Amino acid sequence: MKVLVPFITLIFASGAFATEFNYMVPTSEELKPFATFKLQGSIIHATDGLIKLNYQLPAELVGENYQPMSFVGRRKNDGQIDLRGDLGKAKCIEINSILNCDVEYEDLNIDLAAVELAINNQSANPQQRLNQLEVAKLFSGEPVGILQVVP
């Protein structure tokens, strides 16, 4: 696999880099339109080869005011970036200047009642709310996803 490094190089050269962050929950084709979230206030930062990734999962997955996700690690010789945090780990690879991270969480305490309230506050469409709640239930049962960082 060919690994491109311009985006990571840009991160290393610039220090902090705020860009577009998307989070996707793996799900069925039917639920995919409800399983992608734009993350606000996210940042990736690199200093002396150490990469830090910070973001907030959406309220539609974890409820309001959930603690921010924070991961730190280094790029390996093969181009992969292994990150760890208190709540999980991420394996990232850059393809065509887009950083893709497979994220696995540990010990997330998700309050589905708070998630349902957040979903109800976001959408007036009953079918959309049901679909979003189904995605949240899938996530709470198996808290994994794909974080995509687009320059």
N, C-alpha and C. Protein backbone atom coordinates (compact mmCIF):
# COMPACT_ATOMS: atom_id res chain seq x y z
N MET A 1 0.85 -1.17 0.00
CA MET A 1 0.00 0.00 0.00
C MET A 1 0.89 1.24 0.00
N LYS A 2 0.55 2.18 -0.85
CA LYS A 2 1.31 3.42 -0.93
C LYS A 2 0.79 4.39 0.13
N VAL A 3 1.68 4.92 0.91
CA VAL A 3 1.30 5.85 1.97
C VAL A 3 1.79 7.24 1.57
N LEU A 4 0.86 8.17 1.53
CA LEU A 4 1.22 9.55 1.19
C LEU A 4 1.44 10.34 2.47
N VAL A 5 2.38 11.26 2.45
CA VAL A 5 2.70 11.97 3.68
C VAL A 5 2.51 13.48 3.66
N PRO A 6 1.96 14.09 2.60
CA PRO A 6 1.89 15.56 2.63
C PRO A 6 1.06 16.11 3.78
N PHE A 7 -0.07 15.48 4.11
CA PHE A 7 -0.94 16.00 5.16
C PHE A 7 -0.23 15.91 6.51
N ILE A 8 0.35 14.75 6.80
CA ILE A 8 1.06 14.58 8.06
C ILE A 8 2.26 15.51 8.10
N THR A 9 2.93 15.67 6.97
CA THR A 9 4.05 16.61 6.91
C THR A 9 3.57 18.01 7.23
N LEU A 10 2.40 18.38 6.70
CA LEU A 10 1.82 19.69 6.99
C LEU A 10 1.55 19.83 8.48
N ILE A 11 1.03 18.77 9.08
CA ILE A 11 0.77 18.81 10.52
C ILE A 11 2.08 19.04 11.28
N PHE A 12 3.10 18.28 10.93
CA PHE A 12 4.38 18.42 11.63
C PHE A 12 4.97 19.80 11.42
N ALA A 13 4.80 20.35 10.25
CA ALA A 13 5.38 21.66 9.96
C ALA A 13 4.63 22.78 10.66
N SER A 14 3.32 22.60 10.83
CA SER A 14 2.52 23.71 11.33
C SER A 14 2.23 23.63 12.82
N GLY A 15 2.44 22.48 13.43
CA GLY A 15 2.10 22.34 14.85
C GLY A 15 0.65 21.94 15.00
N ALA A 16 -0.24 22.88 15.19
CA ALA A 16 -1.66 22.58 15.35
C ALA A 16 -2.35 22.74 14.00
N PHE A 17 -3.33 21.90 13.77
CA PHE A 17 -4.01 21.93 12.49
C PHE A 17 -5.48 21.64 12.73
N ALA A 18 -6.34 22.62 12.57
CA ALA A 18 -7.77 22.41 12.67
C ALA A 18 -8.31 22.27 11.27
N THR A 19 -9.14 21.30 11.03
CA THR A 19 -9.64 20.99 9.70
C THR A 19 -11.02 20.37 9.83
N GLU A 20 -11.48 19.68 8.81
CA GLU A 20 -12.79 19.03 8.86
C GLU A 20 -12.63 17.62 9.44
N PHE A 21 -13.41 17.33 10.45
CA PHE A 21 -13.41 16.02 11.07
C PHE A 21 -14.79 15.39 10.89
N ASN A 22 -14.82 14.17 10.37
CA ASN A 22 -16.07 13.43 10.22
C ASN A 22 -15.94 12.13 10.98
N TYR A 23 -17.01 11.73 11.65
CA TYR A 23 -17.01 10.48 12.39
C TYR A 23 -18.11 9.59 11.82
N MET A 24 -17.77 8.34 11.48
CA MET A 24 -18.72 7.42 10.88
C MET A 24 -18.84 6.16 11.73
N VAL A 25 -20.06 5.78 12.02
CA VAL A 25 -20.33 4.54 12.75
C VAL A 25 -20.58 3.46 11.71
N PRO A 26 -19.86 2.34 11.77
CA PRO A 26 -20.12 1.25 10.83
C PRO A 26 -21.54 0.71 11.04
N THR A 27 -22.28 0.60 9.96
CA THR A 27 -23.67 0.17 10.07
C THR A 27 -24.15 -0.40 8.74
N SER A 28 -25.41 -0.74 8.67
CA SER A 28 -26.00 -1.27 7.44
C SER A 28 -26.15 -0.15 6.41
N GLU A 29 -26.31 -0.53 5.16
CA GLU A 29 -26.51 0.46 4.09
C GLU A 29 -27.72 1.33 4.39
N GLU A 30 -28.76 0.74 4.92
CA GLU A 30 -30.00 1.46 5.21
C GLU A 30 -29.79 2.60 6.22
N LEU A 31 -28.89 2.37 7.18
CA LEU A 31 -28.67 3.37 8.22
C LEU A 31 -27.49 4.31 7.95
N LYS A 32 -26.73 4.05 6.89
CA LYS A 32 -25.54 4.88 6.60
C LYS A 32 -25.84 6.38 6.53
N PRO A 33 -26.95 6.80 5.94
CA PRO A 33 -27.21 8.26 5.91
C PRO A 33 -27.33 8.90 7.29
N PHE A 34 -27.54 8.09 8.32
CA PHE A 34 -27.72 8.60 9.68
C PHE A 34 -26.50 8.32 10.57
N ALA A 35 -25.43 7.78 9.97
CA ALA A 35 -24.30 7.31 10.76
C ALA A 35 -23.03 8.13 10.57
N THR A 36 -23.13 9.27 9.90
CA THR A 36 -21.97 10.14 9.71
C THR A 36 -22.22 11.47 10.41
N PHE A 37 -21.21 11.92 11.16
CA PHE A 37 -21.35 13.13 11.97
C PHE A 37 -20.16 14.06 11.72
N LYS A 38 -20.44 15.33 11.53
CA LYS A 38 -19.37 16.34 11.48
C LYS A 38 -19.04 16.71 12.92
N LEU A 39 -17.76 16.69 13.24
CA LEU A 39 -17.34 17.00 14.61
C LEU A 39 -16.87 18.45 14.67
N GLN A 40 -17.29 19.15 15.69
CA GLN A 40 -16.94 20.55 15.89
C GLN A 40 -15.85 20.66 16.95
N GLY A 41 -15.00 21.67 16.82
CA GLY A 41 -14.00 21.95 17.84
C GLY A 41 -12.92 20.90 17.95
N SER A 42 -12.68 20.17 16.88
CA SER A 42 -11.67 19.11 16.89
C SER A 42 -10.33 19.67 16.44
N ILE A 43 -9.26 19.02 16.89
CA ILE A 43 -7.94 19.50 16.50
C ILE A 43 -6.96 18.33 16.48
N ILE A 44 -6.02 18.43 15.56
CA ILE A 44 -4.90 17.51 15.53
C ILE A 44 -3.65 18.38 15.68
N HIS A 45 -2.73 17.92 16.50
CA HIS A 45 -1.57 18.73 16.85
C HIS A 45 -0.34 17.82 16.86
N ALA A 46 0.76 18.31 16.30
CA ALA A 46 2.00 17.52 16.30
C ALA A 46 3.15 18.38 16.79
N THR A 47 3.93 17.80 17.71
CA THR A 47 5.12 18.46 18.24
C THR A 47 6.20 17.41 18.43
N ASP A 48 7.36 17.64 17.85
CA ASP A 48 8.51 16.73 18.00
C ASP A 48 8.13 15.28 17.71
N GLY A 49 7.33 15.07 16.66
CA GLY A 49 6.96 13.72 16.25
C GLY A 49 5.81 13.11 17.03
N LEU A 50 5.34 13.78 18.08
CA LEU A 50 4.23 13.31 18.88
C LEU A 50 2.94 13.90 18.33
N ILE A 51 1.99 13.04 18.03
CA ILE A 51 0.72 13.48 17.44
C ILE A 51 -0.37 13.38 18.49
N LYS A 52 -1.11 14.47 18.64
CA LYS A 52 -2.23 14.50 19.58
C LYS A 52 -3.50 14.78 18.79
N LEU A 53 -4.52 14.03 19.10
CA LEU A 53 -5.81 14.15 18.43
C LEU A 53 -6.87 14.34 19.49
N ASN A 54 -7.63 15.41 19.39
CA ASN A 54 -8.69 15.72 20.35
C ASN A 54 -9.98 16.01 19.61
N TYR A 55 -11.08 15.42 20.09
CA TYR A 55 -12.38 15.69 19.48
C TYR A 55 -13.48 15.31 20.46
N GLN A 56 -14.65 15.79 20.16
CA GLN A 56 -15.83 15.52 20.97
C GLN A 56 -16.79 14.67 20.15
N LEU A 57 -17.16 13.51 20.67
CA LEU A 57 -18.17 12.72 19.99
C LEU A 57 -19.51 13.45 20.05
N PRO A 58 -20.34 13.26 19.03
CA PRO A 58 -21.61 14.00 19.00
C PRO A 58 -22.59 13.53 20.08
N ALA A 59 -23.41 14.46 20.52
CA ALA A 59 -24.41 14.17 21.54
C ALA A 59 -25.37 13.08 21.07
N GLU A 60 -25.55 12.95 19.75
CA GLU A 60 -26.44 11.93 19.20
C GLU A 60 -25.88 10.52 19.37
N LEU A 61 -24.62 10.41 19.81
CA LEU A 61 -24.02 9.09 20.09
C LEU A 61 -23.76 8.85 21.57
N VAL A 62 -23.42 9.91 22.30
CA VAL A 62 -22.99 9.72 23.70
C VAL A 62 -23.76 10.60 24.69
N GLY A 63 -24.64 11.48 24.23
CA GLY A 63 -25.34 12.39 25.12
C GLY A 63 -24.59 13.71 25.24
N GLU A 64 -25.24 14.69 25.83
CA GLU A 64 -24.65 16.02 25.99
C GLU A 64 -23.51 16.00 27.01
N ASN A 65 -22.55 16.90 26.80
CA ASN A 65 -21.47 17.15 27.75
C ASN A 65 -20.64 15.92 28.09
N TYR A 66 -20.46 15.04 27.13
CA TYR A 66 -19.60 13.88 27.34
C TYR A 66 -18.15 14.35 27.25
N GLN A 67 -17.27 13.71 28.00
CA GLN A 67 -15.88 14.16 28.02
C GLN A 67 -15.25 14.05 26.63
N PRO A 68 -14.36 14.96 26.29
CA PRO A 68 -13.69 14.93 24.98
C PRO A 68 -12.80 13.69 24.85
N MET A 69 -12.66 13.23 23.63
CA MET A 69 -11.75 12.13 23.32
C MET A 69 -10.37 12.71 23.10
N SER A 70 -9.36 12.07 23.63
CA SER A 70 -7.99 12.54 23.48
C SER A 70 -7.09 11.35 23.26
N PHE A 71 -6.33 11.39 22.17
CA PHE A 71 -5.42 10.30 21.81
C PHE A 71 -4.05 10.89 21.51
N VAL A 72 -3.01 10.11 21.77
CA VAL A 72 -1.65 10.56 21.51
C VAL A 72 -0.83 9.37 21.01
N GLY A 73 0.13 9.65 20.13
CA GLY A 73 0.99 8.59 19.64
C GLY A 73 1.95 9.11 18.58
N ARG A 74 2.60 8.19 17.89
CA ARG A 74 3.61 8.53 16.89
C ARG A 74 3.35 7.75 15.61
N ARG A 75 3.87 8.29 14.53
CA ARG A 75 3.80 7.60 13.25
C ARG A 75 4.90 6.54 13.22
N LYS A 76 4.54 5.34 12.78
CA LYS A 76 5.50 4.25 12.67
C LYS A 76 6.22 4.34 11.32
N ASN A 77 7.26 3.55 11.16
CA ASN A 77 8.04 3.56 9.93
C ASN A 77 7.21 3.19 8.70
N ASP A 78 6.18 2.38 8.87
CA ASP A 78 5.35 1.98 7.74
C ASP A 78 4.29 3.03 7.39
N GLY A 79 4.29 4.15 8.10
CA GLY A 79 3.35 5.23 7.83
C GLY A 79 2.11 5.21 8.70
N GLN A 80 1.84 4.09 9.34
CA GLN A 80 0.67 4.01 10.21
C GLN A 80 0.91 4.82 11.47
N ILE A 81 -0.14 5.41 11.99
CA ILE A 81 -0.07 6.17 13.22
C ILE A 81 -0.89 5.43 14.27
N ASP A 82 -0.24 5.00 15.33
CA ASP A 82 -0.92 4.33 16.44
C ASP A 82 -1.12 5.33 17.56
N LEU A 83 -2.37 5.55 17.95
CA LEU A 83 -2.71 6.50 19.00
C LEU A 83 -3.42 5.76 20.13
N ARG A 84 -3.19 6.21 21.37
CA ARG A 84 -3.86 5.64 22.53
C ARG A 84 -4.38 6.77 23.40
N GLY A 85 -5.44 6.48 24.12
CA GLY A 85 -6.00 7.42 25.06
C GLY A 85 -6.64 6.67 26.21
N ASP A 86 -7.14 7.41 27.18
CA ASP A 86 -7.77 6.78 28.34
C ASP A 86 -9.01 5.98 27.96
N LEU A 87 -9.66 6.36 26.86
CA LEU A 87 -10.92 5.71 26.49
C LEU A 87 -10.83 4.86 25.23
N GLY A 88 -9.60 4.57 24.77
CA GLY A 88 -9.51 3.71 23.61
C GLY A 88 -8.23 3.87 22.82
N LYS A 89 -8.30 3.41 21.58
CA LYS A 89 -7.14 3.48 20.69
C LYS A 89 -7.60 3.74 19.27
N ALA A 90 -6.65 4.25 18.47
CA ALA A 90 -6.93 4.53 17.06
C ALA A 90 -5.73 4.15 16.22
N LYS A 91 -6.00 3.54 15.09
CA LYS A 91 -4.97 3.23 14.10
C LYS A 91 -5.29 4.06 12.87
N CYS A 92 -4.34 4.92 12.48
CA CYS A 92 -4.59 5.86 11.40
C CYS A 92 -3.63 5.63 10.24
N ILE A 93 -4.13 5.92 9.06
CA ILE A 93 -3.31 5.87 7.86
C ILE A 93 -3.78 6.99 6.94
N GLU A 94 -2.85 7.57 6.23
CA GLU A 94 -3.19 8.67 5.31
C GLU A 94 -3.29 8.12 3.90
N ILE A 95 -4.41 8.42 3.25
CA ILE A 95 -4.62 8.03 1.86
C ILE A 95 -5.13 9.25 1.11
N ASN A 96 -4.41 9.65 0.07
CA ASN A 96 -4.79 10.81 -0.74
C ASN A 96 -5.04 12.04 0.11
N SER A 97 -4.16 12.32 1.03
CA SER A 97 -4.19 13.49 1.92
C SER A 97 -5.32 13.47 2.93
N ILE A 98 -6.02 12.36 3.05
CA ILE A 98 -7.09 12.22 4.04
C ILE A 98 -6.62 11.22 5.09
N LEU A 99 -6.69 11.63 6.34
CA LEU A 99 -6.29 10.76 7.44
C LEU A 99 -7.50 9.96 7.89
N ASN A 100 -7.41 8.64 7.81
CA ASN A 100 -8.49 7.74 8.22
C ASN A 100 -8.04 6.98 9.46
N CYS A 101 -8.85 7.04 10.51
CA CYS A 101 -8.52 6.38 11.76
C CYS A 101 -9.63 5.41 12.15
N ASP A 102 -9.25 4.15 12.34
CA ASP A 102 -10.16 3.17 12.90
C ASP A 102 -10.06 3.29 14.41
N VAL A 103 -11.17 3.64 15.05
CA VAL A 103 -11.16 3.93 16.48
C VAL A 103 -11.96 2.86 17.22
N GLU A 104 -11.38 2.37 18.30
CA GLU A 104 -12.05 1.43 19.20
C GLU A 104 -12.04 2.05 20.59
N TYR A 105 -13.23 2.17 21.17
CA TYR A 105 -13.35 2.78 22.50
C TYR A 105 -13.47 1.71 23.57
N GLU A 106 -13.04 2.07 24.77
CA GLU A 106 -13.16 1.22 25.95
C GLU A 106 -13.82 2.03 27.06
N ASP A 107 -14.64 1.40 27.82
CA ASP A 107 -15.21 2.00 29.03
C ASP A 107 -16.00 3.28 28.76
N LEU A 108 -16.71 3.34 27.64
CA LEU A 108 -17.61 4.47 27.43
C LEU A 108 -18.89 4.20 28.21
N ASN A 109 -19.30 5.15 29.00
CA ASN A 109 -20.55 5.05 29.74
C ASN A 109 -21.59 5.91 29.03
N ILE A 110 -22.33 5.26 28.16
CA ILE A 110 -23.29 5.98 27.32
C ILE A 110 -24.67 5.91 27.96
N ASP A 111 -25.28 7.05 28.15
CA ASP A 111 -26.63 7.17 28.70
C ASP A 111 -27.58 7.29 27.52
N LEU A 112 -28.25 6.17 27.16
CA LEU A 112 -29.12 6.19 25.97
C LEU A 112 -30.31 7.12 26.14
N ALA A 113 -30.74 7.38 27.36
CA ALA A 113 -31.83 8.35 27.56
C ALA A 113 -31.36 9.75 27.17
N ALA A 114 -30.11 10.09 27.54
CA ALA A 114 -29.54 11.40 27.16
C ALA A 114 -29.31 11.46 25.66
N VAL A 115 -28.91 10.35 25.06
CA VAL A 115 -28.73 10.29 23.61
C VAL A 115 -30.07 10.52 22.91
N GLU A 116 -31.10 9.85 23.38
CA GLU A 116 -32.42 10.01 22.77
C GLU A 116 -32.92 11.46 22.89
N LEU A 117 -32.67 12.09 24.02
CA LEU A 117 -33.04 13.49 24.20
C LEU A 117 -32.30 14.37 23.19
N ALA A 118 -31.00 14.14 23.01
CA ALA A 118 -30.21 14.92 22.05
C ALA A 118 -30.73 14.72 20.64
N ILE A 119 -31.07 13.48 20.29
CA ILE A 119 -31.62 13.20 18.96
C ILE A 119 -32.95 13.90 18.77
N ASN A 120 -33.81 13.84 19.77
CA ASN A 120 -35.12 14.50 19.68
C ASN A 120 -34.98 16.02 19.54
N ASN A 121 -33.94 16.59 20.14
CA ASN A 121 -33.71 18.03 20.03
C ASN A 121 -33.16 18.43 18.67
N GLN A 122 -32.56 17.47 17.96
CA GLN A 122 -31.93 17.77 16.66
C GLN A 122 -32.87 17.60 15.48
N SER A 123 -33.86 16.73 15.59
CA SER A 123 -34.69 16.40 14.44
C SER A 123 -36.17 16.35 14.80
N ALA A 124 -36.98 16.90 13.91
CA ALA A 124 -38.42 16.83 14.09
C ALA A 124 -39.02 15.64 13.35
N ASN A 125 -38.27 15.02 12.47
CA ASN A 125 -38.74 13.92 11.66
C ASN A 125 -38.71 12.62 12.47
N PRO A 126 -39.89 12.01 12.72
CA PRO A 126 -39.94 10.81 13.56
C PRO A 126 -39.12 9.64 13.00
N GLN A 127 -39.15 9.41 11.68
CA GLN A 127 -38.39 8.30 11.10
C GLN A 127 -36.88 8.55 11.22
N GLN A 128 -36.48 9.79 11.01
CA GLN A 128 -35.06 10.13 11.15
C GLN A 128 -34.61 9.92 12.60
N ARG A 129 -35.44 10.31 13.55
CA ARG A 129 -35.10 10.10 14.96
C ARG A 129 -34.94 8.62 15.28
N LEU A 130 -35.84 7.78 14.76
CA LEU A 130 -35.75 6.34 14.99
C LEU A 130 -34.46 5.77 14.40
N ASN A 131 -34.12 6.21 13.18
CA ASN A 131 -32.90 5.73 12.53
C ASN A 131 -31.65 6.18 13.30
N GLN A 132 -31.63 7.43 13.74
CA GLN A 132 -30.49 7.92 14.50
C GLN A 132 -30.35 7.19 15.83
N LEU A 133 -31.47 6.89 16.46
CA LEU A 133 -31.44 6.15 17.73
C LEU A 133 -30.92 4.72 17.50
N GLU A 134 -31.30 4.13 16.38
CA GLU A 134 -30.80 2.79 16.05
C GLU A 134 -29.28 2.81 15.89
N VAL A 135 -28.75 3.84 15.21
CA VAL A 135 -27.29 3.98 15.06
C VAL A 135 -26.65 4.14 16.44
N ALA A 136 -27.24 4.96 17.29
CA ALA A 136 -26.69 5.17 18.64
C ALA A 136 -26.69 3.87 19.45
N LYS A 137 -27.73 3.08 19.31
CA LYS A 137 -27.78 1.79 20.03
C LYS A 137 -26.70 0.84 19.52
N LEU A 138 -26.50 0.82 18.20
CA LEU A 138 -25.42 0.01 17.64
C LEU A 138 -24.07 0.45 18.19
N PHE A 139 -23.86 1.76 18.23
CA PHE A 139 -22.60 2.31 18.74
C PHE A 139 -22.40 1.98 20.21
N SER A 140 -23.46 2.09 21.01
CA SER A 140 -23.32 1.82 22.44
C SER A 140 -23.01 0.35 22.69
N GLY A 141 -23.50 -0.55 21.83
CA GLY A 141 -23.22 -1.97 21.97
C GLY A 141 -21.83 -2.35 21.50
N GLU A 142 -21.34 -1.67 20.48
CA GLU A 142 -20.00 -1.91 19.94
C GLU A 142 -19.40 -0.55 19.59
N PRO A 143 -18.77 0.11 20.55
CA PRO A 143 -18.28 1.48 20.34
C PRO A 143 -17.01 1.53 19.48
N VAL A 144 -17.23 1.48 18.17
CA VAL A 144 -16.14 1.60 17.20
C VAL A 144 -16.59 2.58 16.12
N GLY A 145 -15.63 3.09 15.37
CA GLY A 145 -15.98 3.99 14.29
C GLY A 145 -14.77 4.37 13.48
N ILE A 146 -15.02 5.21 12.50
CA ILE A 146 -13.96 5.71 11.62
C ILE A 146 -13.95 7.22 11.73
N LEU A 147 -12.83 7.74 12.12
CA LEU A 147 -12.63 9.19 12.16
C LEU A 147 -11.87 9.56 10.89
N GLN A 148 -12.40 10.53 10.18
CA GLN A 148 -11.78 10.98 8.93
C GLN A 148 -11.42 12.45 9.09
N VAL A 149 -10.12 12.74 8.85
CA VAL A 149 -9.62 14.11 8.96
C VAL A 149 -9.27 14.57 7.55
N VAL A 150 -10.00 15.59 7.08
CA VAL A 150 -9.84 16.09 5.73
C VAL A 150 -9.19 17.47 5.78
N PRO A 151 -8.09 17.66 5.04
CA PRO A 151 -7.42 18.98 5.06
C PRO A 151 -8.27 20.07 4.40
